[in-house]
Amino acid sequence: MDLSLQTREVADRTIVAVGGEIDVYTAPKLRDKITELVGEGHHHLVIDMEGVDFLDSTGLGVLVGGLKKVRAHDGSMALICSQDRLLKIFRITGLAKVFTIHDSEEQALSA
């Protein structure tokens, strides 16, 4: 399955809607998009993972790398994720304590 990425600006944040599977084959596409956005000056990202069907360790690594990139510019990166199977991955790996995870876009934007 392929990975779809759609970006849009809302207030001072850039929302990246991710769809499909984030795995060893597709994760570089997400990494490149985050790198591109940070390079263009977008330092407050919201990664919408509601359309993600699968996430592996490579995908987690890309998200952690993205967080480091935005923090290097005093930025932030929040996640939108309400799917139990993905939230479980974040809890098991301890990344639920690293990322700010919201249930909805409205919640992420009002934080």
N, C-alpha and C. Protein backbone atom coordinates (compact mmCIF):
# COMPACT_ATOMS: atom_id res chain seq x y z
N MET A 1 0.84 -1.19 0.00
CA MET A 1 0.00 0.00 0.00
C MET A 1 0.88 1.25 0.00
N ASP A 2 0.45 2.25 -0.68
CA ASP A 2 1.22 3.48 -0.79
C ASP A 2 0.89 4.41 0.36
N LEU A 3 1.67 5.45 0.47
CA LEU A 3 1.49 6.46 1.50
C LEU A 3 1.01 7.74 0.84
N SER A 4 -0.07 8.31 1.37
CA SER A 4 -0.54 9.59 0.84
C SER A 4 -0.26 10.67 1.87
N LEU A 5 0.17 11.82 1.39
CA LEU A 5 0.47 12.96 2.25
C LEU A 5 -0.20 14.19 1.69
N GLN A 6 -0.97 14.87 2.53
CA GLN A 6 -1.61 16.13 2.13
C GLN A 6 -1.31 17.16 3.19
N THR A 7 -0.84 18.33 2.77
CA THR A 7 -0.51 19.37 3.74
C THR A 7 -1.41 20.57 3.54
N ARG A 8 -1.69 21.24 4.65
CA ARG A 8 -2.45 22.49 4.59
C ARG A 8 -2.10 23.33 5.80
N GLU A 9 -2.30 24.61 5.65
CA GLU A 9 -2.01 25.56 6.73
C GLU A 9 -3.28 25.89 7.49
N VAL A 10 -3.20 25.85 8.80
CA VAL A 10 -4.30 26.29 9.65
C VAL A 10 -3.69 27.15 10.74
N ALA A 11 -4.04 28.43 10.74
CA ALA A 11 -3.45 29.41 11.66
C ALA A 11 -1.93 29.36 11.51
N ASP A 12 -1.20 29.11 12.60
CA ASP A 12 0.26 29.11 12.53
C ASP A 12 0.82 27.70 12.45
N ARG A 13 -0.02 26.73 12.13
CA ARG A 13 0.42 25.33 12.09
C ARG A 13 0.26 24.74 10.69
N THR A 14 1.08 23.76 10.41
CA THR A 14 0.98 23.02 9.16
C THR A 14 0.49 21.62 9.51
N ILE A 15 -0.63 21.25 8.93
CA ILE A 15 -1.19 19.93 9.17
C ILE A 15 -0.79 19.01 8.02
N VAL A 16 -0.22 17.86 8.38
CA VAL A 16 0.16 16.85 7.40
C VAL A 16 -0.76 15.66 7.62
N ALA A 17 -1.71 15.46 6.70
CA ALA A 17 -2.62 14.32 6.79
C ALA A 17 -1.96 13.13 6.11
N VAL A 18 -1.76 12.07 6.88
CA VAL A 18 -1.07 10.88 6.39
C VAL A 18 -2.09 9.76 6.21
N GLY A 19 -2.00 9.08 5.07
CA GLY A 19 -2.89 7.96 4.81
C GLY A 19 -2.11 6.76 4.32
N GLY A 20 -2.58 5.57 4.69
CA GLY A 20 -1.92 4.35 4.23
C GLY A 20 -1.04 3.75 5.29
N GLU A 21 0.06 3.16 4.84
CA GLU A 21 0.97 2.46 5.73
C GLU A 21 2.30 3.20 5.83
N ILE A 22 2.78 3.37 7.07
CA ILE A 22 4.10 3.97 7.28
C ILE A 22 5.02 2.81 7.68
N ASP A 23 5.79 2.36 6.70
CA ASP A 23 6.69 1.22 6.94
C ASP A 23 8.05 1.50 6.32
N VAL A 24 8.88 0.48 6.28
CA VAL A 24 10.26 0.64 5.79
C VAL A 24 10.29 1.15 4.35
N TYR A 25 9.26 0.87 3.57
CA TYR A 25 9.23 1.30 2.16
C TYR A 25 8.70 2.71 1.99
N THR A 26 7.72 3.11 2.83
CA THR A 26 7.06 4.40 2.63
C THR A 26 7.55 5.48 3.59
N ALA A 27 8.19 5.10 4.69
CA ALA A 27 8.64 6.09 5.68
C ALA A 27 9.55 7.18 5.10
N PRO A 28 10.44 6.84 4.15
CA PRO A 28 11.28 7.92 3.60
C PRO A 28 10.47 9.05 2.95
N LYS A 29 9.31 8.73 2.41
CA LYS A 29 8.46 9.76 1.80
C LYS A 29 7.98 10.75 2.88
N LEU A 30 7.58 10.21 4.03
CA LEU A 30 7.16 11.07 5.13
C LEU A 30 8.34 11.87 5.68
N ARG A 31 9.48 11.22 5.83
CA ARG A 31 10.69 11.91 6.32
C ARG A 31 11.04 13.08 5.39
N ASP A 32 11.00 12.83 4.08
CA ASP A 32 11.34 13.87 3.11
C ASP A 32 10.36 15.04 3.19
N LYS A 33 9.08 14.74 3.40
CA LYS A 33 8.06 15.80 3.50
C LYS A 33 8.30 16.65 4.74
N ILE A 34 8.58 16.00 5.88
CA ILE A 34 8.84 16.76 7.10
C ILE A 34 10.10 17.62 6.93
N THR A 35 11.15 17.04 6.35
CA THR A 35 12.39 17.78 6.12
C THR A 35 12.14 18.98 5.22
N GLU A 36 11.35 18.77 4.17
CA GLU A 36 11.01 19.85 3.23
C GLU A 36 10.25 20.98 3.95
N LEU A 37 9.25 20.60 4.76
CA LEU A 37 8.45 21.61 5.47
C LEU A 37 9.30 22.41 6.44
N VAL A 38 10.15 21.73 7.21
CA VAL A 38 11.02 22.43 8.16
C VAL A 38 11.98 23.35 7.41
N GLY A 39 12.49 22.88 6.29
CA GLY A 39 13.39 23.69 5.47
C GLY A 39 12.72 24.94 4.92
N GLU A 40 11.40 24.85 4.71
CA GLU A 40 10.64 26.01 4.21
C GLU A 40 10.19 26.94 5.34
N GLY A 41 10.53 26.58 6.58
CA GLY A 41 10.19 27.46 7.70
C GLY A 41 8.93 27.06 8.46
N HIS A 42 8.39 25.89 8.18
CA HIS A 42 7.21 25.41 8.92
C HIS A 42 7.71 24.63 10.14
N HIS A 43 7.65 25.26 11.30
CA HIS A 43 8.23 24.64 12.50
C HIS A 43 7.19 24.17 13.50
N HIS A 44 5.92 24.36 13.19
CA HIS A 44 4.84 23.88 14.07
C HIS A 44 3.97 22.94 13.25
N LEU A 45 4.25 21.65 13.40
CA LEU A 45 3.58 20.64 12.59
C LEU A 45 2.56 19.86 13.42
N VAL A 46 1.49 19.48 12.75
CA VAL A 46 0.50 18.56 13.32
C VAL A 46 0.40 17.41 12.33
N ILE A 47 0.76 16.21 12.77
CA ILE A 47 0.72 15.03 11.91
C ILE A 47 -0.60 14.30 12.19
N ASP A 48 -1.50 14.34 11.21
CA ASP A 48 -2.81 13.69 11.34
C ASP A 48 -2.69 12.24 10.88
N MET A 49 -2.77 11.33 11.84
CA MET A 49 -2.56 9.91 11.55
C MET A 49 -3.86 9.12 11.51
N GLU A 50 -4.98 9.81 11.38
CA GLU A 50 -6.27 9.12 11.37
C GLU A 50 -6.42 8.18 10.18
N GLY A 51 -5.71 8.46 9.08
CA GLY A 51 -5.81 7.62 7.90
C GLY A 51 -4.72 6.55 7.81
N VAL A 52 -3.93 6.41 8.87
CA VAL A 52 -2.83 5.44 8.86
C VAL A 52 -3.35 4.06 9.23
N ASP A 53 -3.06 3.09 8.36
CA ASP A 53 -3.50 1.71 8.59
C ASP A 53 -2.46 0.88 9.31
N PHE A 54 -1.19 1.26 9.17
CA PHE A 54 -0.10 0.45 9.72
C PHE A 54 1.08 1.36 10.02
N LEU A 55 1.76 1.09 11.14
CA LEU A 55 2.92 1.87 11.54
C LEU A 55 3.96 0.91 12.10
N ASP A 56 5.18 0.95 11.54
CA ASP A 56 6.24 0.09 12.08
C ASP A 56 7.34 0.94 12.72
N SER A 57 8.41 0.28 13.14
CA SER A 57 9.48 0.98 13.85
C SER A 57 10.17 2.03 12.97
N THR A 58 10.21 1.79 11.67
CA THR A 58 10.81 2.77 10.77
C THR A 58 9.98 4.05 10.79
N GLY A 59 8.66 3.89 10.76
CA GLY A 59 7.77 5.04 10.84
C GLY A 59 7.92 5.80 12.15
N LEU A 60 8.05 5.06 13.24
CA LEU A 60 8.27 5.70 14.54
C LEU A 60 9.56 6.51 14.53
N GLY A 61 10.59 5.93 13.91
CA GLY A 61 11.87 6.63 13.81
C GLY A 61 11.76 7.93 13.03
N VAL A 62 10.97 7.91 11.97
CA VAL A 62 10.77 9.12 11.17
C VAL A 62 10.05 10.19 12.00
N LEU A 63 9.05 9.78 12.78
CA LEU A 63 8.33 10.74 13.62
C LEU A 63 9.25 11.34 14.68
N VAL A 64 10.07 10.51 15.31
CA VAL A 64 11.02 11.01 16.31
C VAL A 64 12.02 11.97 15.65
N GLY A 65 12.52 11.59 14.47
CA GLY A 65 13.43 12.46 13.74
C GLY A 65 12.80 13.79 13.38
N GLY A 66 11.53 13.75 12.99
CA GLY A 66 10.80 14.98 12.68
C GLY A 66 10.65 15.87 13.89
N LEU A 67 10.37 15.25 15.03
CA LEU A 67 10.24 16.01 16.27
C LEU A 67 11.56 16.72 16.60
N LYS A 68 12.67 16.02 16.42
CA LYS A 68 13.98 16.62 16.68
C LYS A 68 14.24 17.80 15.73
N LYS A 69 13.82 17.64 14.46
CA LYS A 69 14.03 18.71 13.48
C LYS A 69 13.28 19.98 13.87
N VAL A 70 11.99 19.85 14.24
CA VAL A 70 11.22 21.06 14.57
C VAL A 70 11.69 21.66 15.90
N ARG A 71 12.09 20.81 16.84
CA ARG A 71 12.58 21.33 18.13
C ARG A 71 13.88 22.11 17.96
N ALA A 72 14.67 21.75 16.96
CA ALA A 72 15.91 22.47 16.69
C ALA A 72 15.63 23.91 16.28
N HIS A 73 14.39 24.18 15.86
CA HIS A 73 13.97 25.53 15.46
C HIS A 73 12.95 26.09 16.44
N ASP A 74 12.97 25.60 17.69
CA ASP A 74 12.01 25.99 18.72
C ASP A 74 10.58 25.75 18.27
N GLY A 75 10.38 24.71 17.48
CA GLY A 75 9.05 24.37 16.98
C GLY A 75 8.40 23.27 17.79
N SER A 76 7.31 22.76 17.24
CA SER A 76 6.56 21.70 17.92
C SER A 76 5.99 20.74 16.89
N MET A 77 5.73 19.54 17.34
CA MET A 77 5.08 18.56 16.48
C MET A 77 4.11 17.75 17.34
N ALA A 78 2.84 17.85 16.99
CA ALA A 78 1.81 17.09 17.70
C ALA A 78 1.24 16.05 16.75
N LEU A 79 0.65 15.02 17.32
CA LEU A 79 0.03 13.97 16.52
C LEU A 79 -1.47 13.95 16.77
N ILE A 80 -2.21 13.62 15.72
CA ILE A 80 -3.64 13.35 15.87
C ILE A 80 -3.80 11.86 15.64
N CYS A 81 -4.25 11.15 16.67
CA CYS A 81 -4.40 9.71 16.57
C CYS A 81 -5.41 9.24 17.60
N SER A 82 -6.47 8.61 17.13
CA SER A 82 -7.47 8.06 18.05
C SER A 82 -7.61 6.55 17.89
N GLN A 83 -6.78 5.95 17.04
CA GLN A 83 -6.88 4.51 16.79
C GLN A 83 -6.14 3.73 17.88
N ASP A 84 -6.86 2.85 18.55
CA ASP A 84 -6.28 2.10 19.66
C ASP A 84 -5.03 1.32 19.27
N ARG A 85 -5.03 0.70 18.08
CA ARG A 85 -3.88 -0.13 17.72
C ARG A 85 -2.62 0.72 17.52
N LEU A 86 -2.77 1.96 17.06
CA LEU A 86 -1.60 2.84 16.92
C LEU A 86 -1.22 3.43 18.26
N LEU A 87 -2.21 3.81 19.06
CA LEU A 87 -1.91 4.37 20.38
C LEU A 87 -1.17 3.36 21.25
N LYS A 88 -1.52 2.08 21.07
CA LYS A 88 -0.85 1.02 21.82
C LYS A 88 0.65 0.98 21.48
N ILE A 89 0.98 1.17 20.21
CA ILE A 89 2.38 1.20 19.79
C ILE A 89 3.12 2.34 20.48
N PHE A 90 2.47 3.51 20.54
CA PHE A 90 3.11 4.67 21.19
C PHE A 90 3.28 4.42 22.69
N ARG A 91 2.31 3.76 23.31
CA ARG A 91 2.42 3.47 24.74
C ARG A 91 3.52 2.45 25.02
N ILE A 92 3.53 1.36 24.24
CA ILE A 92 4.51 0.29 24.47
C ILE A 92 5.95 0.80 24.29
N THR A 93 6.16 1.66 23.31
CA THR A 93 7.51 2.16 23.03
C THR A 93 7.90 3.33 23.95
N GLY A 94 6.96 3.82 24.74
CA GLY A 94 7.23 4.97 25.60
C GLY A 94 7.11 6.29 24.88
N LEU A 95 6.78 6.26 23.59
CA LEU A 95 6.69 7.50 22.81
C LEU A 95 5.42 8.29 23.11
N ALA A 96 4.47 7.69 23.82
CA ALA A 96 3.28 8.43 24.23
C ALA A 96 3.67 9.54 25.21
N LYS A 97 4.82 9.38 25.86
CA LYS A 97 5.32 10.42 26.78
C LYS A 97 6.15 11.47 26.05
N VAL A 98 6.60 11.13 24.85
CA VAL A 98 7.44 12.04 24.07
C VAL A 98 6.59 12.96 23.20
N PHE A 99 5.57 12.38 22.58
CA PHE A 99 4.69 13.13 21.68
C PHE A 99 3.44 13.62 22.40
N THR A 100 2.95 14.77 21.97
CA THR A 100 1.63 15.22 22.38
C THR A 100 0.65 14.62 21.38
N ILE A 101 -0.24 13.77 21.88
CA ILE A 101 -1.18 13.05 21.01
C ILE A 101 -2.59 13.51 21.31
N HIS A 102 -3.28 13.98 20.27
CA HIS A 102 -4.65 14.48 20.40
C HIS A 102 -5.63 13.55 19.70
N ASP A 103 -6.88 13.59 20.15
CA ASP A 103 -7.93 12.77 19.55
C ASP A 103 -8.50 13.36 18.27
N SER A 104 -8.39 14.68 18.10
CA SER A 104 -9.01 15.33 16.94
C SER A 104 -8.20 16.54 16.52
N GLU A 105 -8.47 17.00 15.31
CA GLU A 105 -7.79 18.19 14.80
C GLU A 105 -8.15 19.42 15.65
N GLU A 106 -9.42 19.51 16.04
CA GLU A 106 -9.86 20.65 16.85
C GLU A 106 -9.07 20.72 18.15
N GLN A 107 -8.89 19.55 18.79
CA GLN A 107 -8.14 19.47 20.04
C GLN A 107 -6.67 19.87 19.81
N ALA A 108 -6.10 19.39 18.72
CA ALA A 108 -4.69 19.70 18.42
C ALA A 108 -4.49 21.19 18.18
N LEU A 109 -5.43 21.82 17.49
CA LEU A 109 -5.28 23.23 17.15
C LEU A 109 -5.56 24.15 18.34
N SER A 110 -6.36 23.68 19.28
CA SER A 110 -6.68 24.54 20.42
C SER A 110 -5.65 24.38 21.54
N ALA A 111 -4.78 23.41 21.41
CA ALA A 111 -3.77 23.16 22.47
C ALA A 111 -2.69 24.24 22.45
